[in-house]
All heavy atoms as atom14 arrays in JSON, in Angstrom:
{
  "sequence": "VSDRLAQAEERAAAAERRAVRFEIASEFSLTSDD",
  "atom14_mask": [
    [1, 1, 1, 1, 1, 1, 1, 0, 0, 0, 0, 0, 0, 0],
    [1, 1, 1, 1, 1, 1, 0, 0, 0, 0, 0, 0, 0, 0],
    [1, 1, 1, 1, 1, 1, 1, 1, 0, 0, 0, 0, 0, 0],
    [1, 1, 1, 1, 1, 1, 1, 1, 1, 1, 1, 0, 0, 0],
    [1, 1, 1, 1, 1, 1, 1, 1, 0, 0, 0, 0, 0, 0],
    [1, 1, 1, 1, 1, 0, 0, 0, 0, 0, 0, 0, 0, 0],
    [1, 1, 1, 1, 1, 1, 1, 1, 1, 0, 0, 0, 0, 0],
    [1, 1, 1, 1, 1, 0, 0, 0, 0, 0, 0, 0, 0, 0],
    [1, 1, 1, 1, 1, 1, 1, 1, 1, 0, 0, 0, 0, 0],
    [1, 1, 1, 1, 1, 1, 1, 1, 1, 0, 0, 0, 0, 0],
    [1, 1, 1, 1, 1, 1, 1, 1, 1, 1, 1, 0, 0, 0],
    [1, 1, 1, 1, 1, 0, 0, 0, 0, 0, 0, 0, 0, 0],
    [1, 1, 1, 1, 1, 0, 0, 0, 0, 0, 0, 0, 0, 0],
    [1, 1, 1, 1, 1, 0, 0, 0, 0, 0, 0, 0, 0, 0],
    [1, 1, 1, 1, 1, 0, 0, 0, 0, 0, 0, 0, 0, 0],
    [1, 1, 1, 1, 1, 1, 1, 1, 1, 0, 0, 0, 0, 0],
    [1, 1, 1, 1, 1, 1, 1, 1, 1, 1, 1, 0, 0, 0],
    [1, 1, 1, 1, 1, 1, 1, 1, 1, 1, 1, 0, 0, 0],
    [1, 1, 1, 1, 1, 0, 0, 0, 0, 0, 0, 0, 0, 0],
    [1, 1, 1, 1, 1, 1, 1, 0, 0, 0, 0, 0, 0, 0],
    [1, 1, 1, 1, 1, 1, 1, 1, 1, 1, 1, 0, 0, 0],
    [1, 1, 1, 1, 1, 1, 1, 1, 1, 1, 1, 0, 0, 0],
    [1, 1, 1, 1, 1, 1, 1, 1, 1, 0, 0, 0, 0, 0],
    [1, 1, 1, 1, 1, 1, 1, 1, 0, 0, 0, 0, 0, 0],
    [1, 1, 1, 1, 1, 0, 0, 0, 0, 0, 0, 0, 0, 0],
    [1, 1, 1, 1, 1, 1, 0, 0, 0, 0, 0, 0, 0, 0],
    [1, 1, 1, 1, 1, 1, 1, 1, 1, 0, 0, 0, 0, 0],
    [1, 1, 1, 1, 1, 1, 1, 1, 1, 1, 1, 0, 0, 0],
    [1, 1, 1, 1, 1, 1, 0, 0, 0, 0, 0, 0, 0, 0],
    [1, 1, 1, 1, 1, 1, 1, 1, 0, 0, 0, 0, 0, 0],
    [1, 1, 1, 1, 1, 1, 1, 0, 0, 0, 0, 0, 0, 0],
    [1, 1, 1, 1, 1, 1, 0, 0, 0, 0, 0, 0, 0, 0],
    [1, 1, 1, 1, 1, 1, 1, 1, 0, 0, 0, 0, 0, 0],
    [1, 1, 1, 1, 1, 1, 1, 1, 0, 0, 0, 0, 0, 0]
  ],
  "atom14_positions": [
    [[-22.14, 95.76, -152.36], [-23.01, 96.29, -151.45], [-24.56, 95.9, -151.58], [-25.16, 95.55, -150.6], [-22.99, 97.86, -151.24], [-24.01, 98.5, -150.36], [-21.54, 98.26, -150.87], [0.0, 0.0, 0.0], [0.0, 0.0, 0.0], [0.0, 0.0, 0.0], [0.0, 0.0, 0.0], [0.0, 0.0, 0.0], [0.0, 0.0, 0.0], [0.0, 0.0, 0.0]],
    [[-24.91, 95.92, -152.65], [-26.19, 95.42, -153.19], [-26.41, 93.99, -152.73], [-27.53, 93.65, -152.23], [-26.41, 95.62, -154.63], [-27.67, 95.02, -154.94], [0.0, 0.0, 0.0], [0.0, 0.0, 0.0], [0.0, 0.0, 0.0], [0.0, 0.0, 0.0], [0.0, 0.0, 0.0], [0.0, 0.0, 0.0], [0.0, 0.0, 0.0], [0.0, 0.0, 0.0]],
    [[-25.5, 93.07, -153.06], [-25.58, 91.62, -152.71], [-25.65, 91.52, -151.18], [-26.41, 90.73, -150.56], [-24.25, 90.9, -153.18], [-24.39, 90.77, -154.7], [-25.52, 91.02, -155.33], [-23.38, 90.4, -155.36], [0.0, 0.0, 0.0], [0.0, 0.0, 0.0], [0.0, 0.0, 0.0], [0.0, 0.0, 0.0], [0.0, 0.0, 0.0], [0.0, 0.0, 0.0]],
    [[-24.72, 92.2, -150.43], [-24.84, 92.1, -148.96], [-26.19, 92.61, -148.47], [-26.64, 92.06, -147.44], [-23.6, 93.0, -148.33], [-22.27, 92.27, -148.5], [-21.26, 92.94, -147.58], [-21.07, 94.3, -147.94], [-19.96, 94.8, -148.58], [-19.16, 93.91, -149.16], [-19.87, 96.15, -148.76], [0.0, 0.0, 0.0], [0.0, 0.0, 0.0], [0.0, 0.0, 0.0]],
    [[-26.73, 93.75, -149.01], [-28.01, 94.17, -148.57], [-29.07, 93.2, -148.85], [-29.86, 92.92, -148.06], [-28.35, 95.5, -149.27], [-29.75, 96.07, -149.07], [-29.74, 96.48, -147.55], [-29.98, 97.31, -149.94], [0.0, 0.0, 0.0], [0.0, 0.0, 0.0], [0.0, 0.0, 0.0], [0.0, 0.0, 0.0], [0.0, 0.0, 0.0], [0.0, 0.0, 0.0]],
    [[-29.07, 92.41, -149.93], [-30.0, 91.45, -150.32], [-29.9, 90.26, -149.29], [-31.02, 89.77, -148.79], [-29.88, 90.94, -151.75], [0.0, 0.0, 0.0], [0.0, 0.0, 0.0], [0.0, 0.0, 0.0], [0.0, 0.0, 0.0], [0.0, 0.0, 0.0], [0.0, 0.0, 0.0], [0.0, 0.0, 0.0], [0.0, 0.0, 0.0], [0.0, 0.0, 0.0]],
    [[-28.74, 89.92, -149.0], [-28.44, 88.73, -147.99], [-29.04, 89.19, -146.62], [-29.66, 88.44, -145.98], [-26.99, 88.4, -147.97], [-26.46, 87.7, -149.13], [-25.02, 87.57, -149.03], [-24.38, 88.1, -148.3], [-24.5, 86.75, -150.03], [0.0, 0.0, 0.0], [0.0, 0.0, 0.0], [0.0, 0.0, 0.0], [0.0, 0.0, 0.0], [0.0, 0.0, 0.0]],
    [[-28.77, 90.49, -146.21], [-29.2, 90.89, -144.94], [-30.79, 90.95, -144.88], [-31.36, 90.6, -143.93], [-28.76, 92.28, -144.69], [0.0, 0.0, 0.0], [0.0, 0.0, 0.0], [0.0, 0.0, 0.0], [0.0, 0.0, 0.0], [0.0, 0.0, 0.0], [0.0, 0.0, 0.0], [0.0, 0.0, 0.0], [0.0, 0.0, 0.0], [0.0, 0.0, 0.0]],
    [[-31.38, 91.34, -145.98], [-32.86, 91.44, -146.06], [-33.42, 90.04, -145.97], [-34.48, 89.84, -145.37], [-33.3, 92.19, -147.28], [-33.16, 93.59, -147.28], [-33.44, 94.32, -148.69], [-33.67, 93.59, -149.62], [-33.55, 95.49, -148.68], [0.0, 0.0, 0.0], [0.0, 0.0, 0.0], [0.0, 0.0, 0.0], [0.0, 0.0, 0.0], [0.0, 0.0, 0.0]],
    [[-32.86, 89.09, -146.62], [-33.23, 87.76, -146.58], [-33.11, 87.1, -145.19], [-34.06, 86.48, -144.74], [-32.41, 86.78, -147.58], [-32.87, 85.47, -147.77], [-32.08, 84.6, -148.72], [-31.78, 85.23, -149.92], [-31.71, 83.54, -148.49], [0.0, 0.0, 0.0], [0.0, 0.0, 0.0], [0.0, 0.0, 0.0], [0.0, 0.0, 0.0], [0.0, 0.0, 0.0]],
    [[-32.05, 87.32, -144.44], [-31.95, 86.89, -143.08], [-32.94, 87.62, -142.25], [-33.56, 86.95, -141.33], [-30.5, 87.22, -142.67], [-29.4, 86.28, -143.11], [-28.19, 86.32, -142.47], [-27.7, 87.74, -142.24], [-26.84, 88.26, -143.1], [-26.23, 87.69, -144.18], [-26.43, 89.56, -142.88], [0.0, 0.0, 0.0], [0.0, 0.0, 0.0], [0.0, 0.0, 0.0]],
    [[-33.23, 88.89, -142.44], [-34.17, 89.53, -141.7], [-35.63, 88.93, -141.81], [-36.36, 88.78, -140.83], [-34.18, 91.04, -141.87], [0.0, 0.0, 0.0], [0.0, 0.0, 0.0], [0.0, 0.0, 0.0], [0.0, 0.0, 0.0], [0.0, 0.0, 0.0], [0.0, 0.0, 0.0], [0.0, 0.0, 0.0], [0.0, 0.0, 0.0], [0.0, 0.0, 0.0]],
    [[-35.94, 88.68, -143.11], [-37.15, 88.12, -143.42], [-37.33, 86.71, -142.67], [-38.42, 86.38, -142.15], [-37.47, 87.98, -144.88], [0.0, 0.0, 0.0], [0.0, 0.0, 0.0], [0.0, 0.0, 0.0], [0.0, 0.0, 0.0], [0.0, 0.0, 0.0], [0.0, 0.0, 0.0], [0.0, 0.0, 0.0], [0.0, 0.0, 0.0], [0.0, 0.0, 0.0]],
    [[-36.38, 85.8, -142.77], [-36.28, 84.69, -142.09], [-36.47, 84.69, -140.61], [-37.19, 83.94, -140.03], [-35.01, 83.78, -142.43], [0.0, 0.0, 0.0], [0.0, 0.0, 0.0], [0.0, 0.0, 0.0], [0.0, 0.0, 0.0], [0.0, 0.0, 0.0], [0.0, 0.0, 0.0], [0.0, 0.0, 0.0], [0.0, 0.0, 0.0], [0.0, 0.0, 0.0]],
    [[-35.8, 85.72, -140.04], [-35.89, 85.92, -138.55], [-37.26, 86.34, -138.21], [-37.93, 85.92, -137.16], [-34.99, 86.94, -138.13], [0.0, 0.0, 0.0], [0.0, 0.0, 0.0], [0.0, 0.0, 0.0], [0.0, 0.0, 0.0], [0.0, 0.0, 0.0], [0.0, 0.0, 0.0], [0.0, 0.0, 0.0], [0.0, 0.0, 0.0], [0.0, 0.0, 0.0]],
    [[-37.99, 87.17, -139.08], [-39.3, 87.62, -138.74], [-40.22, 86.44, -138.93], [-41.2, 86.41, -137.92], [-39.73, 88.74, -139.78], [-41.02, 89.38, -139.41], [-41.39, 90.43, -140.44], [-40.35, 91.1, -141.07], [-42.48, 90.79, -140.57], [0.0, 0.0, 0.0], [0.0, 0.0, 0.0], [0.0, 0.0, 0.0], [0.0, 0.0, 0.0], [0.0, 0.0, 0.0]],
    [[-40.05, 85.6, -139.86], [-40.99, 84.4, -140.03], [-40.88, 83.4, -138.75], [-41.79, 82.97, -138.17], [-40.64, 83.66, -141.22], [-41.15, 84.28, -142.6], [-41.07, 83.28, -143.81], [-39.62, 82.87, -143.92], [-38.82, 83.43, -144.71], [-39.13, 84.54, -145.37], [-37.59, 82.89, -144.93], [0.0, 0.0, 0.0], [0.0, 0.0, 0.0], [0.0, 0.0, 0.0]],
    [[-39.54, 83.38, -138.3], [-39.38, 82.52, -137.11], [-40.11, 83.1, -135.87], [-40.73, 82.49, -135.11], [-37.86, 82.34, -136.78], [-37.28, 81.08, -137.23], [-35.9, 80.78, -136.65], [-34.98, 82.0, -136.57], [-34.25, 82.51, -137.5], [-34.36, 81.82, -138.72], [-33.54, 83.48, -137.36], [0.0, 0.0, 0.0], [0.0, 0.0, 0.0], [0.0, 0.0, 0.0]],
    [[-39.92, 84.45, -135.76], [-40.5, 85.11, -134.58], [-42.12, 84.91, -134.62], [-42.68, 84.72, -133.58], [-40.09, 86.59, -134.55], [0.0, 0.0, 0.0], [0.0, 0.0, 0.0], [0.0, 0.0, 0.0], [0.0, 0.0, 0.0], [0.0, 0.0, 0.0], [0.0, 0.0, 0.0], [0.0, 0.0, 0.0], [0.0, 0.0, 0.0], [0.0, 0.0, 0.0]],
    [[-42.68, 85.09, -135.79], [-44.1, 85.0, -135.91], [-44.46, 83.6, -135.54], [-45.47, 83.31, -135.01], [-44.57, 85.45, -137.31], [-45.92, 85.0, -137.66], [-44.4, 86.76, -137.56], [0.0, 0.0, 0.0], [0.0, 0.0, 0.0], [0.0, 0.0, 0.0], [0.0, 0.0, 0.0], [0.0, 0.0, 0.0], [0.0, 0.0, 0.0], [0.0, 0.0, 0.0]],
    [[-43.73, 82.6, -135.97], [-44.04, 81.17, -135.79], [-44.0, 80.96, -134.32], [-45.03, 80.26, -133.83], [-43.05, 80.37, -136.57], [-43.38, 78.81, -136.41], [-42.41, 77.91, -137.28], [-41.08, 77.93, -136.7], [-40.06, 78.34, -137.38], [-40.07, 78.79, -138.59], [-38.83, 78.28, -136.86], [0.0, 0.0, 0.0], [0.0, 0.0, 0.0], [0.0, 0.0, 0.0]],
    [[-42.95, 81.42, -133.63], [-42.95, 81.15, -132.26], [-44.05, 81.89, -131.45], [-44.66, 81.34, -130.56], [-41.48, 81.61, -131.6], [-40.39, 80.57, -132.05], [-39.23, 81.05, -132.66], [-40.57, 79.26, -131.9], [-38.27, 80.22, -133.01], [-39.64, 78.36, -132.19], [-38.45, 78.83, -132.9], [0.0, 0.0, 0.0], [0.0, 0.0, 0.0], [0.0, 0.0, 0.0]],
    [[-44.3, 83.09, -131.87], [-45.41, 83.81, -131.29], [-46.79, 83.1, -131.48], [-47.49, 82.92, -130.45], [-45.56, 85.2, -131.93], [-46.63, 86.06, -131.44], [-46.78, 87.38, -132.14], [-45.67, 87.91, -132.6], [-47.84, 87.71, -132.39], [0.0, 0.0, 0.0], [0.0, 0.0, 0.0], [0.0, 0.0, 0.0], [0.0, 0.0, 0.0], [0.0, 0.0, 0.0]],
    [[-47.07, 82.6, -132.52], [-48.24, 81.83, -132.75], [-48.26, 80.56, -131.92], [-49.27, 80.11, -131.36], [-48.53, 81.55, -134.29], [-48.79, 82.9, -134.96], [-49.69, 80.58, -134.47], [-48.84, 82.8, -136.54], [0.0, 0.0, 0.0], [0.0, 0.0, 0.0], [0.0, 0.0, 0.0], [0.0, 0.0, 0.0], [0.0, 0.0, 0.0], [0.0, 0.0, 0.0]],
    [[-47.1, 79.82, -131.83], [-46.97, 78.6, -131.14], [-47.27, 78.81, -129.77], [-47.99, 78.1, -129.04], [-45.61, 77.97, -131.51], [0.0, 0.0, 0.0], [0.0, 0.0, 0.0], [0.0, 0.0, 0.0], [0.0, 0.0, 0.0], [0.0, 0.0, 0.0], [0.0, 0.0, 0.0], [0.0, 0.0, 0.0], [0.0, 0.0, 0.0], [0.0, 0.0, 0.0]],
    [[-46.68, 79.91, -129.13], [-46.99, 80.2, -127.7], [-48.4, 80.69, -127.44], [-49.0, 80.34, -126.41], [-46.02, 81.23, -127.21], [-46.25, 82.46, -127.82], [0.0, 0.0, 0.0], [0.0, 0.0, 0.0], [0.0, 0.0, 0.0], [0.0, 0.0, 0.0], [0.0, 0.0, 0.0], [0.0, 0.0, 0.0], [0.0, 0.0, 0.0], [0.0, 0.0, 0.0]],
    [[-48.91, 81.35, -128.48], [-50.36, 81.77, -128.31], [-51.38, 80.55, -128.17], [-52.32, 80.63, -127.37], [-50.66, 82.64, -129.46], [-52.09, 83.1, -129.42], [-52.41, 84.02, -130.81], [-51.56, 84.61, -131.34], [-53.64, 83.96, -131.2], [0.0, 0.0, 0.0], [0.0, 0.0, 0.0], [0.0, 0.0, 0.0], [0.0, 0.0, 0.0], [0.0, 0.0, 0.0]],
    [[-50.99, 79.57, -128.91], [-51.93, 78.39, -128.85], [-51.31, 77.21, -128.03], [-51.82, 76.14, -128.01], [-52.15, 77.85, -130.31], [-53.01, 78.72, -131.23], [-52.49, 79.65, -131.99], [-54.38, 78.62, -131.15], [-53.31, 80.52, -132.8], [-55.17, 79.39, -131.91], [-54.61, 80.34, -132.71], [0.0, 0.0, 0.0], [0.0, 0.0, 0.0], [0.0, 0.0, 0.0]],
    [[-50.21, 77.51, -127.25], [-49.68, 76.66, -126.4], [-49.28, 75.34, -127.07], [-49.68, 74.23, -126.54], [-50.51, 76.26, -125.15], [-50.84, 77.51, -124.46], [0.0, 0.0, 0.0], [0.0, 0.0, 0.0], [0.0, 0.0, 0.0], [0.0, 0.0, 0.0], [0.0, 0.0, 0.0], [0.0, 0.0, 0.0], [0.0, 0.0, 0.0], [0.0, 0.0, 0.0]],
    [[-48.72, 75.38, -128.18], [-48.24, 74.16, -129.02], [-46.94, 73.57, -128.37], [-46.18, 74.28, -127.81], [-48.05, 74.57, -130.43], [-49.36, 75.09, -131.12], [-48.91, 75.43, -132.61], [-50.42, 74.01, -131.17], [0.0, 0.0, 0.0], [0.0, 0.0, 0.0], [0.0, 0.0, 0.0], [0.0, 0.0, 0.0], [0.0, 0.0, 0.0], [0.0, 0.0, 0.0]],
    [[-46.9, 72.33, -128.54], [-45.64, 71.61, -128.21], [-44.56, 71.99, -129.22], [-44.81, 72.49, -130.45], [-45.8, 70.09, -128.1], [-46.16, 69.69, -129.45], [-46.85, 69.59, -127.27], [0.0, 0.0, 0.0], [0.0, 0.0, 0.0], [0.0, 0.0, 0.0], [0.0, 0.0, 0.0], [0.0, 0.0, 0.0], [0.0, 0.0, 0.0], [0.0, 0.0, 0.0]],
    [[-43.38, 71.69, -128.93], [-42.2, 72.02, -129.98], [-42.33, 71.23, -131.19], [-42.05, 71.84, -132.37], [-40.9, 71.85, -129.33], [-40.72, 70.6, -129.0], [0.0, 0.0, 0.0], [0.0, 0.0, 0.0], [0.0, 0.0, 0.0], [0.0, 0.0, 0.0], [0.0, 0.0, 0.0], [0.0, 0.0, 0.0], [0.0, 0.0, 0.0], [0.0, 0.0, 0.0]],
    [[-42.89, 70.06, -131.16], [-42.98, 69.23, -132.42], [-44.2, 69.81, -133.23], [-43.97, 69.75, -134.42], [-43.4, 67.87, -131.98], [-42.26, 67.05, -131.44], [-41.02, 67.46, -131.7], [-42.38, 65.98, -130.74], [0.0, 0.0, 0.0], [0.0, 0.0, 0.0], [0.0, 0.0, 0.0], [0.0, 0.0, 0.0], [0.0, 0.0, 0.0], [0.0, 0.0, 0.0]],
    [[-45.18, 70.28, -132.54], [-46.35, 70.91, -133.31], [-45.97, 72.23, -133.92], [-46.35, 72.61, -134.92], [-47.54, 71.09, -132.36], [-48.25, 69.7, -132.07], [-48.04, 68.81, -132.75], [-49.18, 69.73, -131.15], [0.0, 0.0, 0.0], [0.0, 0.0, 0.0], [0.0, 0.0, 0.0], [0.0, 0.0, 0.0], [0.0, 0.0, 0.0], [0.0, 0.0, 0.0]]
  ]
}
């Protein structure tokens, strides 16, 4: 259970980083390459 929890937390952190990245990219109107 502890291992599954650690994996879930890691996936959640990665998803949060992706969301922040997309939010910032849209805020500055960046192209997908940028």
